[in-house]
Structure formats: structure tokens, C-alpha cells
């Protein structure tokens, strides 16, 4: 429940979005310099792509 003056947004997530499917990313597994996956969706994402999306 939101306190006075605080907006409530049930769809907001503290996690970044997967650049492929848009699901929240809990953690990334880097398997090489240009390969990795994000969990729990399992999409294949290069590590630098996830880092760039956090900077925006």
C-alpha cells in the first residue's frame, strides 16, 4: 500500500528489463567476452548490451 503522496505502480520492477523479451532480469551469466544469458527468461544477451541498457 502506498503512503500519502506516494504513487503506487504494481508493474514497476527494481530489476532492469531484458533487451530481447522485456521481462525483468534478476541476474546475468557471462559465459565469454561476447556471450551471456539473463535469468530467469534465459535470453542470450551479450554482456555489454545489458550494461548499455542500465546506463540509459
PDB file of N, CA and C in Angstrom:
ATOM      1  N   UNK A   1       0.848  -1.172   0.000  1.00  0.00           N
ATOM      2  CA  UNK A   1       0.000   0.000   0.000  1.00  0.00           C
ATOM      3  C   UNK A   1       0.895   1.237   0.000  1.00  0.00           C
ATOM      4  N   UNK A   2       0.570   2.222  -0.823  1.00  0.00           N
ATOM      5  CA  UNK A   2       1.359   3.438  -0.927  1.00  0.00           C
ATOM      6  C   UNK A   2       1.000   4.395   0.200  1.00  0.00           C
ATOM      7  N   UNK A   3       2.020   5.091   0.713  1.00  0.00           N
ATOM      8  CA  UNK A   3       1.759   6.091   1.741  1.00  0.00           C
ATOM      9  C   UNK A   3       1.271   7.373   1.090  1.00  0.00           C
ATOM     10  N   UNK A   4       0.805   8.328   1.893  1.00  0.00           N
ATOM     11  CA  UNK A   4       0.297   9.594   1.359  1.00  0.00           C
ATOM     12  C   UNK A   4       1.337  10.271   0.488  1.00  0.00           C
ATOM     13  N   UNK A   5       0.915  10.719  -0.703  1.00  0.00           N
ATOM     14  CA  UNK A   5       1.810  11.430  -1.608  1.00  0.00           C
ATOM     15  C   UNK A   5       2.721  10.534  -2.417  1.00  0.00           C
ATOM     16  N   UNK A   6       2.597   9.222  -2.247  1.00  0.00           N
ATOM     17  CA  UNK A   6       3.459   8.285  -2.974  1.00  0.00           C
ATOM     18  C   UNK A   6       2.610   7.493  -3.955  1.00  0.00           C
ATOM     19  N   UNK A   7       2.994   7.520  -5.220  1.00  0.00           N
ATOM     20  CA  UNK A   7       2.234   6.803  -6.248  1.00  0.00           C
ATOM     21  C   UNK A   7       2.484   5.310  -6.129  1.00  0.00           C
ATOM     22  N   UNK A   8       1.468   4.524  -6.405  1.00  0.00           N
ATOM     23  CA  UNK A   8       1.588   3.076  -6.397  1.00  0.00           C
ATOM     24  C   UNK A   8       1.573   2.568  -7.832  1.00  0.00           C
ATOM     25  N   UNK A   9       2.572   1.775  -8.190  1.00  0.00           N
ATOM     26  CA  UNK A   9       2.644   1.208  -9.532  1.00  0.00           C
ATOM     27  C   UNK A   9       3.001  -0.265  -9.395  1.00  0.00           C
ATOM     28  N   UNK A  10       1.996  -1.132  -9.517  1.00  0.00           N
ATOM     29  CA  UNK A  10       2.216  -2.560  -9.342  1.00  0.00           C
ATOM     30  C   UNK A  10       3.079  -3.170 -10.427  1.00  0.00           C
ATOM     31  N   UNK A  11       3.266  -2.488 -11.559  1.00  0.00           N
ATOM     32  CA  UNK A  11       4.061  -3.038 -12.646  1.00  0.00           C
ATOM     33  C   UNK A  11       5.524  -2.609 -12.575  1.00  0.00           C
ATOM     34  N   UNK A  12       5.883  -1.704 -11.676  1.00  0.00           N
ATOM     35  CA  UNK A  12       7.270  -1.246 -11.559  1.00  0.00           C
ATOM     36  C   UNK A  12       8.134  -2.367 -10.989  1.00  0.00           C
ATOM     37  N   UNK A  13       9.349  -2.478 -11.500  1.00  0.00           N
ATOM     38  CA  UNK A  13      10.268  -3.507 -11.040  1.00  0.00           C
ATOM     39  C   UNK A  13      11.613  -2.874 -10.730  1.00  0.00           C
ATOM     40  N   UNK A  14      12.267  -3.313  -9.661  1.00  0.00           N
ATOM     41  CA  UNK A  14      13.594  -2.787  -9.352  1.00  0.00           C
ATOM     42  C   UNK A  14      14.673  -3.383 -10.269  1.00  0.00           C
ATOM     43  N   UNK A  15      14.291  -4.357 -11.084  1.00  0.00           N
ATOM     44  CA  UNK A  15      15.238  -5.037 -11.960  1.00  0.00           C
ATOM     45  C   UNK A  15      15.202  -4.437 -13.363  1.00  0.00           C
ATOM     46  N   UNK A  16      16.341  -4.464 -14.085  1.00  0.00           N
ATOM     47  CA  UNK A  16      16.327  -3.976 -15.469  1.00  0.00           C
ATOM     48  C   UNK A  16      15.541  -4.915 -16.367  1.00  0.00           C
ATOM     49  N   UNK A  17      15.078  -4.425 -17.499  1.00  0.00           N
ATOM     50  CA  UNK A  17      14.341  -5.247 -18.454  1.00  0.00           C
ATOM     51  C   UNK A  17      15.291  -5.956 -19.398  1.00  0.00           C
ATOM     52  N   UNK A  18      14.935  -7.174 -19.790  1.00  0.00           N
ATOM     53  CA  UNK A  18      15.687  -7.916 -20.793  1.00  0.00           C
ATOM     54  C   UNK A  18      15.557  -7.169 -22.120  1.00  0.00           C
ATOM     55  N   UNK A  19      16.671  -6.898 -22.806  1.00  0.00           N
ATOM     56  CA  UNK A  19      16.591  -6.181 -24.076  1.00  0.00           C
ATOM     57  C   UNK A  19      15.913  -6.984 -25.183  1.00  0.00           C
ATOM     58  N   UNK A  20      15.756  -8.304 -25.003  1.00  0.00           N
ATOM     59  CA  UNK A  20      15.109  -9.132 -26.025  1.00  0.00           C
ATOM     60  C   UNK A  20      13.616  -9.305 -25.788  1.00  0.00           C
ATOM     61  N   UNK A  21      13.236  -9.721 -24.573  1.00  0.00           N
ATOM     62  CA  UNK A  21      11.825 -10.040 -24.329  1.00  0.00           C
ATOM     63  C   UNK A  21      11.115  -9.061 -23.411  1.00  0.00           C
ATOM     64  N   UNK A  22      11.857  -8.234 -22.689  1.00  0.00           N
ATOM     65  CA  UNK A  22      11.244  -7.242 -21.818  1.00  0.00           C
ATOM     66  C   UNK A  22      10.945  -7.715 -20.411  1.00  0.00           C
ATOM     67  N   UNK A  23      11.179  -8.996 -20.118  1.00  0.00           N
ATOM     68  CA  UNK A  23      10.962  -9.495 -18.759  1.00  0.00           C
ATOM     69  C   UNK A  23      12.027  -8.930 -17.818  1.00  0.00           C
ATOM     70  N   UNK A  24      11.724  -8.829 -16.525  1.00  0.00           N
ATOM     71  CA  UNK A  24      12.737  -8.356 -15.576  1.00  0.00           C
ATOM     72  C   UNK A  24      13.907  -9.333 -15.491  1.00  0.00           C
ATOM     73  N   UNK A  25      15.108  -8.798 -15.405  1.00  0.00           N
ATOM     74  CA  UNK A  25      16.325  -9.602 -15.304  1.00  0.00           C
ATOM     75  C   UNK A  25      16.771  -9.615 -13.845  1.00  0.00           C
ATOM     76  N   UNK A  26      16.863 -10.803 -13.254  1.00  0.00           N
ATOM     77  CA  UNK A  26      17.336 -10.932 -11.875  1.00  0.00           C
ATOM     78  C   UNK A  26      18.853 -11.007 -11.818  1.00  0.00           C
ATOM     79  N   UNK A  27      19.452 -11.714 -12.781  1.00  0.00           N
ATOM     80  CA  UNK A  27      20.905 -11.790 -12.846  1.00  0.00           C
ATOM     81  C   UNK A  27      21.341 -12.206 -14.235  1.00  0.00           C
ATOM     82  N   UNK A  28      22.610 -11.942 -14.535  1.00  0.00           N
ATOM     83  CA  UNK A  28      23.185 -12.306 -15.831  1.00  0.00           C
ATOM     84  C   UNK A  28      24.311 -13.304 -15.604  1.00  0.00           C
ATOM     85  N   UNK A  29      24.441 -14.249 -16.533  1.00  0.00           N
ATOM     86  CA  UNK A  29      25.525 -15.221 -16.509  1.00  0.00           C
ATOM     87  C   UNK A  29      26.392 -14.943 -17.730  1.00  0.00           C
ATOM     88  N   UNK A  30      27.630 -14.524 -17.499  1.00  0.00           N
ATOM     89  CA  UNK A  30      28.554 -14.236 -18.583  1.00  0.00           C
ATOM     90  C   UNK A  30      29.346 -15.500 -18.862  1.00  0.00           C
ATOM     91  N   UNK A  31      29.248 -16.001 -20.117  1.00  0.00           N
ATOM     92  CA  UNK A  31      29.921 -17.241 -20.478  1.00  0.00           C
ATOM     93  C   UNK A  31      31.137 -17.007 -21.358  1.00  0.00           C
ATOM     94  N   UNK A  32      31.358 -15.786 -21.784  1.00  0.00           N
ATOM     95  CA  UNK A  32      32.503 -15.431 -22.616  1.00  0.00           C
ATOM     96  C   UNK A  32      32.541 -13.923 -22.786  1.00  0.00           C
ATOM     97  N   UNK A  33      33.543 -13.417 -23.490  1.00  0.00           N
ATOM     98  CA  UNK A  33      33.658 -11.964 -23.634  1.00  0.00           C
ATOM     99  C   UNK A  33      32.502 -11.329 -24.409  1.00  0.00           C
ATOM    100  N   UNK A  34      31.836 -12.105 -25.243  1.00  0.00           N
ATOM    101  CA  UNK A  34      30.741 -11.568 -26.050  1.00  0.00           C
ATOM    102  C   UNK A  34      29.468 -12.398 -25.941  1.00  0.00           C
ATOM    103  N   UNK A  35      29.401 -13.297 -24.957  1.00  0.00           N
ATOM    104  CA  UNK A  35      28.234 -14.160 -24.809  1.00  0.00           C
ATOM    105  C   UNK A  35      27.770 -14.207 -23.359  1.00  0.00           C
ATOM    106  N   UNK A  36      26.486 -14.371 -23.202  1.00  0.00           N
ATOM    107  CA  UNK A  36      25.916 -14.497 -21.870  1.00  0.00           C
ATOM    108  C   UNK A  36      24.425 -14.733 -21.960  1.00  0.00           C
ATOM    109  N   UNK A  37      23.823 -15.045 -20.835  1.00  0.00           N
ATOM    110  CA  UNK A  37      22.374 -15.207 -20.758  1.00  0.00           C
ATOM    111  C   UNK A  37      21.876 -14.431 -19.551  1.00  0.00           C
ATOM    112  N   UNK A  38      20.607 -14.069 -19.601  1.00  0.00           N
ATOM    113  CA  UNK A  38      19.985 -13.414 -18.467  1.00  0.00           C
ATOM    114  C   UNK A  38      18.899 -14.326 -17.923  1.00  0.00           C
ATOM    115  N   UNK A  39      18.717 -14.264 -16.644  1.00  0.00           N
ATOM    116  CA  UNK A  39      17.762 -15.141 -15.969  1.00  0.00           C
ATOM    117  C   UNK A  39      16.711 -14.309 -15.268  1.00  0.00           C
ATOM    118  N   UNK A  40      15.504 -14.759 -15.164  1.00  0.00           N
ATOM    119  CA  UNK A  40      15.020 -16.103 -15.382  1.00  0.00           C
ATOM    120  C   UNK A  40      14.526 -16.395 -16.799  1.00  0.00           C
ATOM    121  N   UNK A  41      14.519 -15.400 -17.713  1.00  0.00           N
ATOM    122  CA  UNK A  41      13.952 -15.646 -19.045  1.00  0.00           C
ATOM    123  C   UNK A  41      14.843 -16.535 -19.911  1.00  0.00           C
ATOM    124  N   UNK A  42      16.166 -16.509 -19.691  1.00  0.00           N
ATOM    125  CA  UNK A  42      17.073 -17.370 -20.438  1.00  0.00           C
ATOM    126  C   UNK A  42      17.505 -16.831 -21.781  1.00  0.00           C
ATOM    127  N   UNK A  43      17.174 -15.576 -22.088  1.00  0.00           N
ATOM    128  CA  UNK A  43      17.564 -14.989 -23.376  1.00  0.00           C
ATOM    129  C   UNK A  43      19.082 -14.857 -23.467  1.00  0.00           C
ATOM    130  N   UNK A  44      19.589 -15.043 -24.658  1.00  0.00           N
ATOM    131  CA  UNK A  44      21.011 -14.861 -24.926  1.00  0.00           C
ATOM    132  C   UNK A  44      21.268 -13.374 -25.162  1.00  0.00           C
ATOM    133  N   UNK A  45      22.122 -12.790 -24.322  1.00  0.00           N
ATOM    134  CA  UNK A  45      22.386 -11.364 -24.380  1.00  0.00           C
ATOM    135  C   UNK A  45      23.880 -11.134 -24.199  1.00  0.00           C
ATOM    136  N   UNK A  46      24.528 -10.415 -25.126  1.00  0.00           N
ATOM    137  CA  UNK A  46      25.930 -10.065 -24.903  1.00  0.00           C
ATOM    138  C   UNK A  46      26.047  -9.196 -23.655  1.00  0.00           C
ATOM    139  N   UNK A  47      27.052  -9.411 -22.804  1.00  0.00           N
ATOM    140  CA  UNK A  47      27.167  -8.664 -21.545  1.00  0.00           C
ATOM    141  C   UNK A  47      27.157  -7.145 -21.728  1.00  0.00           C
ATOM    142  N   UNK A  48      27.766  -6.639 -22.782  1.00  0.00           N
ATOM    143  CA  UNK A  48      27.805  -5.188 -22.971  1.00  0.00           C
ATOM    144  C   UNK A  48      26.431  -4.615 -23.316  1.00  0.00           C
ATOM    145  N   UNK A  49      25.550  -5.403 -23.906  1.00  0.00           N
ATOM    146  CA  UNK A  49      24.196  -4.922 -24.232  1.00  0.00           C
ATOM    147  C   UNK A  49      23.400  -4.669 -22.958  1.00  0.00           C
ATOM    148  N   UNK A  50      23.512  -5.540 -21.982  1.00  0.00           N
ATOM    149  CA  UNK A  50      22.805  -5.354 -20.722  1.00  0.00           C
ATOM    150  C   UNK A  50      23.376  -4.143 -19.985  1.00  0.00           C
ATOM    151  N   UNK A  51      24.673  -3.979 -20.011  1.00  0.00           N
ATOM    152  CA  UNK A  51      25.310  -2.832 -19.357  1.00  0.00           C
ATOM    153  C   UNK A  51      24.876  -1.523 -20.001  1.00  0.00           C
ATOM    154  N   UNK A  52      24.796  -1.478 -21.319  1.00  0.00           N
ATOM    155  CA  UNK A  52      24.352  -0.258 -22.012  1.00  0.00           C
ATOM    156  C   UNK A  52      22.919   0.074 -21.662  1.00  0.00           C
ATOM    157  N   UNK A  53      22.055  -0.914 -21.509  1.00  0.00           N
ATOM    158  CA  UNK A  53      20.651  -0.651 -21.182  1.00  0.00           C
ATOM    159  C   UNK A  53      20.513  -0.089 -19.772  1.00  0.00           C
ATOM    160  N   UNK A  54      21.431  -0.406 -18.866  1.00  0.00           N
ATOM    161  CA  UNK A  54      21.402   0.126 -17.490  1.00  0.00           C
ATOM    162  C   UNK A  54      21.805   1.595 -17.474  1.00  0.00           C
ATOM    163  N   UNK A  55      22.635   2.021 -18.419  1.00  0.00           N
ATOM    164  CA  UNK A  55      23.122   3.396 -18.447  1.00  0.00           C
ATOM    165  C   UNK A  55      22.085   4.367 -18.976  1.00  0.00           C
ATOM    166  N   UNK A  56      21.075   3.894 -19.690  1.00  0.00           N
ATOM    167  CA  UNK A  56      20.067   4.775 -20.306  1.00  0.00           C
ATOM    168  C   UNK A  56      19.096   5.304 -19.302  1.00  0.00           C
TER     169      UNK A  56
END
